[in-house]
């Protein structure tokens, strides 16, 4: 397994392949949020489990591809998702997407991928 860094190369959502913008810097959010709770004694920790997500994934799309992504997001159905990193490792899961919008000036659509189950390494 490689270093698993750099811009993801390709993204597959519901069987459709999308190109990820070359300078994309998406954020993988942790599976838990932690909060300190003050008491008269020691500080307690509140841990909230949240779905694993990749935010701000910017795809190069045509208006038709954007429409397909928007339909998938609006349906809210669980779909197969995978992405390939620069080191050629492929990660996959099932989940849903949310679109953050399309920029017509540079032909991109930005999405957030929310995993229903953990991302697993498929191949490298």
N, C-alpha and C. Protein backbone atom coordinates (compact mmCIF):
# COMPACT_ATOMS: atom_id res chain seq x y z
N UNK A 1 0.85 -1.17 0.00
CA UNK A 1 0.00 0.00 0.00
C UNK A 1 0.90 1.22 0.00
N UNK A 2 0.53 2.21 -0.82
CA UNK A 2 1.33 3.42 -0.95
C UNK A 2 1.06 4.43 0.14
N UNK A 3 1.50 5.63 -0.12
CA UNK A 3 1.37 6.69 0.87
C UNK A 3 -0.06 7.20 1.02
N UNK A 4 -0.90 6.95 0.04
CA UNK A 4 -2.30 7.37 0.07
C UNK A 4 -2.46 8.86 0.32
N UNK A 5 -1.70 9.63 -0.42
CA UNK A 5 -1.81 11.07 -0.34
C UNK A 5 -1.98 11.63 -1.74
N UNK A 6 -2.33 12.89 -1.81
CA UNK A 6 -2.49 13.54 -3.10
C UNK A 6 -3.93 13.56 -3.54
N UNK A 7 -4.14 14.18 -4.66
CA UNK A 7 -5.48 14.33 -5.20
C UNK A 7 -6.02 12.99 -5.69
N UNK A 8 -7.24 12.65 -5.29
CA UNK A 8 -7.86 11.44 -5.86
C UNK A 8 -7.94 11.58 -7.38
N UNK A 9 -7.81 10.45 -8.07
CA UNK A 9 -7.78 10.47 -9.54
C UNK A 9 -9.17 10.33 -10.15
N UNK A 10 -9.94 9.39 -9.67
CA UNK A 10 -11.25 9.11 -10.24
C UNK A 10 -12.23 8.81 -9.13
N UNK A 11 -13.50 9.02 -9.45
CA UNK A 11 -14.57 8.76 -8.50
C UNK A 11 -15.66 8.00 -9.24
N UNK A 12 -16.22 6.99 -8.61
CA UNK A 12 -17.30 6.21 -9.20
C UNK A 12 -18.50 6.31 -8.27
N UNK A 13 -19.62 6.80 -8.80
CA UNK A 13 -20.85 6.91 -8.02
C UNK A 13 -21.96 6.24 -8.80
N UNK A 14 -22.57 5.22 -8.19
CA UNK A 14 -23.68 4.50 -8.80
C UNK A 14 -23.32 4.01 -10.20
N UNK A 15 -22.08 3.53 -10.36
CA UNK A 15 -21.64 2.96 -11.63
C UNK A 15 -21.18 3.97 -12.67
N UNK A 16 -21.20 5.26 -12.34
CA UNK A 16 -20.80 6.31 -13.29
C UNK A 16 -19.46 6.89 -12.83
N UNK A 17 -18.51 6.97 -13.77
CA UNK A 17 -17.18 7.47 -13.46
C UNK A 17 -17.11 8.99 -13.67
N UNK A 18 -16.47 9.67 -12.72
CA UNK A 18 -16.30 11.13 -12.79
C UNK A 18 -14.82 11.46 -12.60
N UNK A 19 -14.37 12.50 -13.27
CA UNK A 19 -13.00 12.98 -13.08
C UNK A 19 -12.99 13.97 -11.93
N UNK A 20 -12.03 13.81 -11.05
CA UNK A 20 -11.87 14.73 -9.93
C UNK A 20 -10.91 15.82 -10.36
N UNK A 21 -11.25 17.06 -10.05
CA UNK A 21 -10.42 18.20 -10.44
C UNK A 21 -9.01 18.03 -9.90
N UNK A 22 -8.02 18.35 -10.73
CA UNK A 22 -6.61 18.09 -10.41
C UNK A 22 -6.14 18.73 -9.11
N UNK A 23 -6.65 19.91 -8.79
CA UNK A 23 -6.19 20.59 -7.57
C UNK A 23 -7.14 20.40 -6.39
N UNK A 24 -8.01 19.39 -6.48
CA UNK A 24 -9.00 19.17 -5.42
C UNK A 24 -8.32 18.81 -4.10
N UNK A 25 -8.80 19.40 -3.03
CA UNK A 25 -8.30 19.09 -1.69
C UNK A 25 -9.50 18.81 -0.81
N UNK A 26 -10.01 17.58 -0.88
CA UNK A 26 -11.19 17.23 -0.10
C UNK A 26 -10.78 16.92 1.33
N UNK A 27 -11.75 16.94 2.21
CA UNK A 27 -11.51 16.71 3.63
C UNK A 27 -12.26 15.46 4.07
N UNK A 28 -11.55 14.52 4.67
CA UNK A 28 -12.20 13.34 5.23
C UNK A 28 -12.46 13.63 6.70
N UNK A 29 -13.74 13.66 7.05
CA UNK A 29 -14.14 13.97 8.42
C UNK A 29 -14.05 12.71 9.28
N UNK A 30 -13.71 12.87 10.57
CA UNK A 30 -13.63 11.71 11.47
C UNK A 30 -15.01 11.11 11.75
N UNK A 31 -15.00 9.90 12.31
CA UNK A 31 -16.26 9.20 12.59
C UNK A 31 -16.88 9.59 13.93
N UNK A 32 -16.18 10.40 14.72
CA UNK A 32 -16.72 10.83 16.00
C UNK A 32 -16.45 12.31 16.23
N UNK A 33 -17.34 12.93 16.99
CA UNK A 33 -17.12 14.30 17.47
C UNK A 33 -17.03 14.21 18.99
N UNK A 34 -16.04 14.89 19.55
CA UNK A 34 -15.86 14.83 21.00
C UNK A 34 -16.06 16.21 21.60
N UNK A 35 -16.61 16.21 22.81
CA UNK A 35 -16.90 17.46 23.50
C UNK A 35 -16.61 17.25 24.98
N UNK A 36 -15.96 18.23 25.60
CA UNK A 36 -15.70 18.17 27.04
C UNK A 36 -16.90 18.71 27.80
N UNK A 37 -17.31 18.01 28.85
CA UNK A 37 -18.44 18.44 29.67
C UNK A 37 -17.92 18.69 31.09
N UNK A 38 -18.01 19.95 31.51
CA UNK A 38 -17.52 20.33 32.84
C UNK A 38 -18.51 19.88 33.91
N UNK A 39 -17.96 19.40 35.01
CA UNK A 39 -18.77 19.05 36.18
C UNK A 39 -18.07 19.65 37.40
N UNK A 40 -18.64 19.44 38.57
CA UNK A 40 -17.99 19.95 39.78
C UNK A 40 -16.72 19.15 40.10
N UNK A 41 -16.60 17.98 39.48
CA UNK A 41 -15.40 17.15 39.65
C UNK A 41 -14.57 17.16 38.38
N UNK A 42 -14.35 16.00 37.86
CA UNK A 42 -13.55 15.89 36.64
C UNK A 42 -14.36 16.24 35.40
N UNK A 43 -13.68 16.53 34.31
CA UNK A 43 -14.35 16.82 33.05
C UNK A 43 -14.66 15.50 32.35
N UNK A 44 -15.92 15.37 31.90
CA UNK A 44 -16.33 14.17 31.19
C UNK A 44 -16.26 14.42 29.69
N UNK A 45 -16.23 13.34 28.97
CA UNK A 45 -16.13 13.41 27.52
C UNK A 45 -17.41 12.89 26.89
N UNK A 46 -18.01 13.68 26.02
CA UNK A 46 -19.19 13.25 25.28
C UNK A 46 -18.72 12.91 23.87
N UNK A 47 -18.97 11.68 23.45
CA UNK A 47 -18.55 11.24 22.12
C UNK A 47 -19.81 10.96 21.31
N UNK A 48 -19.92 11.63 20.17
CA UNK A 48 -21.05 11.43 19.28
C UNK A 48 -20.55 10.79 17.99
N UNK A 49 -21.12 9.65 17.65
CA UNK A 49 -20.73 8.98 16.41
C UNK A 49 -21.41 9.69 15.24
N UNK A 50 -20.63 10.00 14.22
CA UNK A 50 -21.18 10.63 13.02
C UNK A 50 -20.76 9.81 11.81
N UNK A 51 -21.51 9.89 10.73
CA UNK A 51 -21.12 9.12 9.55
C UNK A 51 -19.82 9.66 8.95
N UNK A 52 -19.00 8.75 8.47
CA UNK A 52 -17.75 9.16 7.83
C UNK A 52 -18.08 9.87 6.52
N UNK A 53 -17.44 11.00 6.29
CA UNK A 53 -17.73 11.76 5.07
C UNK A 53 -16.50 12.37 4.45
N UNK A 54 -16.59 12.56 3.16
CA UNK A 54 -15.57 13.30 2.41
C UNK A 54 -16.26 14.57 1.92
N UNK A 55 -15.76 15.72 2.36
CA UNK A 55 -16.37 17.00 2.00
C UNK A 55 -15.58 17.69 0.91
N UNK A 56 -16.26 18.52 0.15
CA UNK A 56 -15.66 19.38 -0.88
C UNK A 56 -14.91 18.60 -1.94
N UNK A 57 -15.54 17.55 -2.44
CA UNK A 57 -14.97 16.79 -3.55
C UNK A 57 -15.42 17.50 -4.83
N UNK A 58 -14.47 18.05 -5.58
CA UNK A 58 -14.80 18.83 -6.77
C UNK A 58 -14.59 18.00 -8.02
N UNK A 59 -15.67 17.82 -8.78
CA UNK A 59 -15.66 17.00 -9.99
C UNK A 59 -15.77 17.87 -11.23
N UNK A 60 -15.11 17.47 -12.30
CA UNK A 60 -15.28 18.13 -13.59
C UNK A 60 -16.51 17.51 -14.23
N UNK A 61 -17.56 18.32 -14.49
CA UNK A 61 -18.82 17.77 -14.99
C UNK A 61 -19.40 18.61 -16.11
N UNK A 62 -20.17 17.94 -16.96
CA UNK A 62 -21.00 18.63 -17.95
C UNK A 62 -22.33 18.95 -17.26
N UNK A 63 -23.15 19.81 -17.86
CA UNK A 63 -24.47 20.06 -17.27
C UNK A 63 -25.29 18.77 -17.10
N UNK A 64 -25.19 17.84 -18.06
CA UNK A 64 -25.92 16.57 -17.94
C UNK A 64 -25.41 15.73 -16.78
N UNK A 65 -24.09 15.66 -16.60
CA UNK A 65 -23.53 14.91 -15.48
C UNK A 65 -23.94 15.55 -14.16
N UNK A 66 -23.97 16.87 -14.12
CA UNK A 66 -24.41 17.56 -12.91
C UNK A 66 -25.86 17.21 -12.59
N UNK A 67 -26.69 17.14 -13.62
CA UNK A 67 -28.10 16.80 -13.42
C UNK A 67 -28.23 15.38 -12.85
N UNK A 68 -27.41 14.45 -13.35
CA UNK A 68 -27.43 13.07 -12.83
C UNK A 68 -27.03 13.06 -11.36
N UNK A 69 -25.96 13.78 -11.03
CA UNK A 69 -25.51 13.86 -9.63
C UNK A 69 -26.59 14.48 -8.74
N UNK A 70 -27.24 15.52 -9.24
CA UNK A 70 -28.30 16.16 -8.46
C UNK A 70 -29.47 15.21 -8.24
N UNK A 71 -29.81 14.42 -9.27
CA UNK A 71 -30.88 13.43 -9.13
C UNK A 71 -30.52 12.38 -8.08
N UNK A 72 -29.27 11.91 -8.11
CA UNK A 72 -28.82 10.93 -7.12
C UNK A 72 -28.91 11.53 -5.72
N UNK A 73 -28.47 12.77 -5.57
CA UNK A 73 -28.52 13.44 -4.27
C UNK A 73 -29.96 13.64 -3.81
N UNK A 74 -30.83 14.07 -4.71
CA UNK A 74 -32.23 14.32 -4.36
C UNK A 74 -32.96 13.03 -3.98
N UNK A 75 -32.62 11.90 -4.64
CA UNK A 75 -33.25 10.62 -4.31
C UNK A 75 -32.93 10.19 -2.89
N UNK A 76 -31.72 10.49 -2.44
CA UNK A 76 -31.31 10.09 -1.10
C UNK A 76 -31.08 8.60 -0.95
N UNK A 77 -31.08 7.88 -2.08
CA UNK A 77 -30.87 6.44 -2.04
C UNK A 77 -29.40 6.12 -1.77
N UNK A 78 -29.17 4.98 -1.16
CA UNK A 78 -27.81 4.51 -0.93
C UNK A 78 -27.27 3.95 -2.24
N UNK A 79 -26.07 4.41 -2.62
CA UNK A 79 -25.44 3.99 -3.87
C UNK A 79 -24.02 3.50 -3.58
N UNK A 80 -23.48 2.73 -4.51
CA UNK A 80 -22.08 2.32 -4.42
C UNK A 80 -21.20 3.50 -4.77
N UNK A 81 -20.11 3.68 -4.02
CA UNK A 81 -19.16 4.77 -4.28
C UNK A 81 -17.75 4.22 -4.13
N UNK A 82 -16.85 4.70 -4.97
CA UNK A 82 -15.44 4.36 -4.81
C UNK A 82 -14.61 5.49 -5.37
N UNK A 83 -13.36 5.58 -4.90
CA UNK A 83 -12.44 6.56 -5.46
C UNK A 83 -11.04 5.97 -5.49
N UNK A 84 -10.27 6.45 -6.45
CA UNK A 84 -8.89 6.00 -6.61
C UNK A 84 -7.96 7.14 -6.26
N UNK A 85 -7.01 6.87 -5.37
CA UNK A 85 -6.03 7.89 -4.98
C UNK A 85 -4.85 7.91 -5.94
N UNK A 86 -4.00 8.90 -5.78
CA UNK A 86 -2.84 9.07 -6.66
C UNK A 86 -1.92 7.85 -6.63
N UNK A 87 -1.88 7.13 -5.50
CA UNK A 87 -1.01 5.95 -5.42
C UNK A 87 -1.69 4.70 -5.98
N UNK A 88 -2.85 4.88 -6.61
CA UNK A 88 -3.66 3.84 -7.25
C UNK A 88 -4.40 2.92 -6.27
N UNK A 89 -4.43 3.27 -4.99
CA UNK A 89 -5.25 2.51 -4.05
C UNK A 89 -6.71 2.91 -4.28
N UNK A 90 -7.60 1.93 -4.21
CA UNK A 90 -9.02 2.17 -4.46
C UNK A 90 -9.80 1.88 -3.18
N UNK A 91 -10.62 2.84 -2.78
CA UNK A 91 -11.45 2.73 -1.59
C UNK A 91 -12.91 2.72 -2.01
N UNK A 92 -13.72 1.90 -1.34
CA UNK A 92 -15.14 1.85 -1.71
C UNK A 92 -16.03 1.73 -0.48
N UNK A 93 -17.30 2.09 -0.70
CA UNK A 93 -18.31 2.01 0.35
C UNK A 93 -19.68 2.11 -0.29
N UNK A 94 -20.69 2.09 0.53
CA UNK A 94 -22.07 2.43 0.13
C UNK A 94 -22.46 3.65 0.93
N UNK A 95 -23.22 4.53 0.32
CA UNK A 95 -23.63 5.73 1.02
C UNK A 95 -24.45 6.63 0.12
N UNK A 96 -24.53 7.89 0.50
CA UNK A 96 -25.28 8.85 -0.32
C UNK A 96 -24.45 10.10 -0.51
N UNK A 97 -24.87 10.93 -1.45
CA UNK A 97 -24.14 12.16 -1.72
C UNK A 97 -25.05 13.36 -1.51
N UNK A 98 -24.41 14.49 -1.25
CA UNK A 98 -25.08 15.78 -1.19
C UNK A 98 -24.32 16.69 -2.14
N UNK A 99 -25.04 17.42 -2.98
CA UNK A 99 -24.35 18.36 -3.87
C UNK A 99 -24.27 19.71 -3.20
N UNK A 100 -23.12 20.36 -3.38
CA UNK A 100 -22.92 21.70 -2.83
C UNK A 100 -23.11 22.76 -3.90
N UNK A 101 -23.28 22.32 -5.16
CA UNK A 101 -23.53 23.26 -6.24
C UNK A 101 -22.61 23.04 -7.43
N UNK A 102 -22.97 23.67 -8.55
CA UNK A 102 -22.19 23.58 -9.77
C UNK A 102 -21.70 24.97 -10.15
N UNK A 103 -20.44 25.05 -10.55
CA UNK A 103 -19.86 26.30 -11.02
C UNK A 103 -19.76 26.21 -12.53
N UNK A 104 -20.55 27.01 -13.23
CA UNK A 104 -20.56 26.93 -14.69
C UNK A 104 -19.30 27.51 -15.31
N UNK A 105 -18.65 28.45 -14.62
CA UNK A 105 -17.45 29.10 -15.18
C UNK A 105 -16.34 28.09 -15.45
N UNK A 106 -16.17 27.12 -14.55
CA UNK A 106 -15.12 26.13 -14.78
C UNK A 106 -15.66 24.71 -14.93
N UNK A 107 -16.99 24.56 -15.02
CA UNK A 107 -17.60 23.26 -15.28
C UNK A 107 -17.34 22.24 -14.19
N UNK A 108 -17.55 22.65 -12.93
CA UNK A 108 -17.32 21.73 -11.82
C UNK A 108 -18.57 21.61 -10.94
N UNK A 109 -18.69 20.46 -10.32
CA UNK A 109 -19.73 20.21 -9.32
C UNK A 109 -19.03 19.77 -8.05
N UNK A 110 -19.42 20.34 -6.92
CA UNK A 110 -18.82 19.98 -5.64
C UNK A 110 -19.83 19.16 -4.84
N UNK A 111 -19.36 18.03 -4.31
CA UNK A 111 -20.24 17.13 -3.56
C UNK A 111 -19.62 16.77 -2.21
N UNK A 112 -20.47 16.25 -1.34
CA UNK A 112 -20.03 15.60 -0.11
C UNK A 112 -20.51 14.16 -0.18
N UNK A 113 -19.61 13.22 0.10
CA UNK A 113 -19.96 11.80 0.11
C UNK A 113 -20.09 11.35 1.56
N UNK A 114 -21.23 10.77 1.90
CA UNK A 114 -21.48 10.30 3.26
C UNK A 114 -21.58 8.78 3.24
N UNK A 115 -20.69 8.13 3.97
CA UNK A 115 -20.63 6.67 3.98
C UNK A 115 -21.67 6.08 4.93
N UNK A 116 -22.38 5.05 4.44
CA UNK A 116 -23.30 4.32 5.31
C UNK A 116 -22.53 3.27 6.11
N UNK A 117 -21.50 2.71 5.50
CA UNK A 117 -20.59 1.77 6.16
C UNK A 117 -19.17 2.30 5.95
N UNK A 118 -18.21 1.77 6.71
CA UNK A 118 -16.83 2.26 6.60
C UNK A 118 -16.27 2.09 5.20
N UNK A 119 -15.40 3.03 4.82
CA UNK A 119 -14.65 2.91 3.57
C UNK A 119 -13.67 1.75 3.74
N UNK A 120 -13.58 0.89 2.73
CA UNK A 120 -12.64 -0.23 2.79
C UNK A 120 -11.72 -0.20 1.59
N UNK A 121 -10.48 -0.62 1.81
CA UNK A 121 -9.50 -0.68 0.74
C UNK A 121 -9.87 -1.85 -0.16
N UNK A 122 -10.06 -1.58 -1.45
CA UNK A 122 -10.47 -2.60 -2.41
C UNK A 122 -9.27 -3.17 -3.13
N UNK A 123 -8.39 -2.31 -3.62
CA UNK A 123 -7.22 -2.76 -4.37
C UNK A 123 -6.18 -1.67 -4.35
N UNK A 124 -4.95 -2.04 -4.62
CA UNK A 124 -3.90 -1.03 -4.76
C UNK A 124 -2.84 -1.50 -5.72
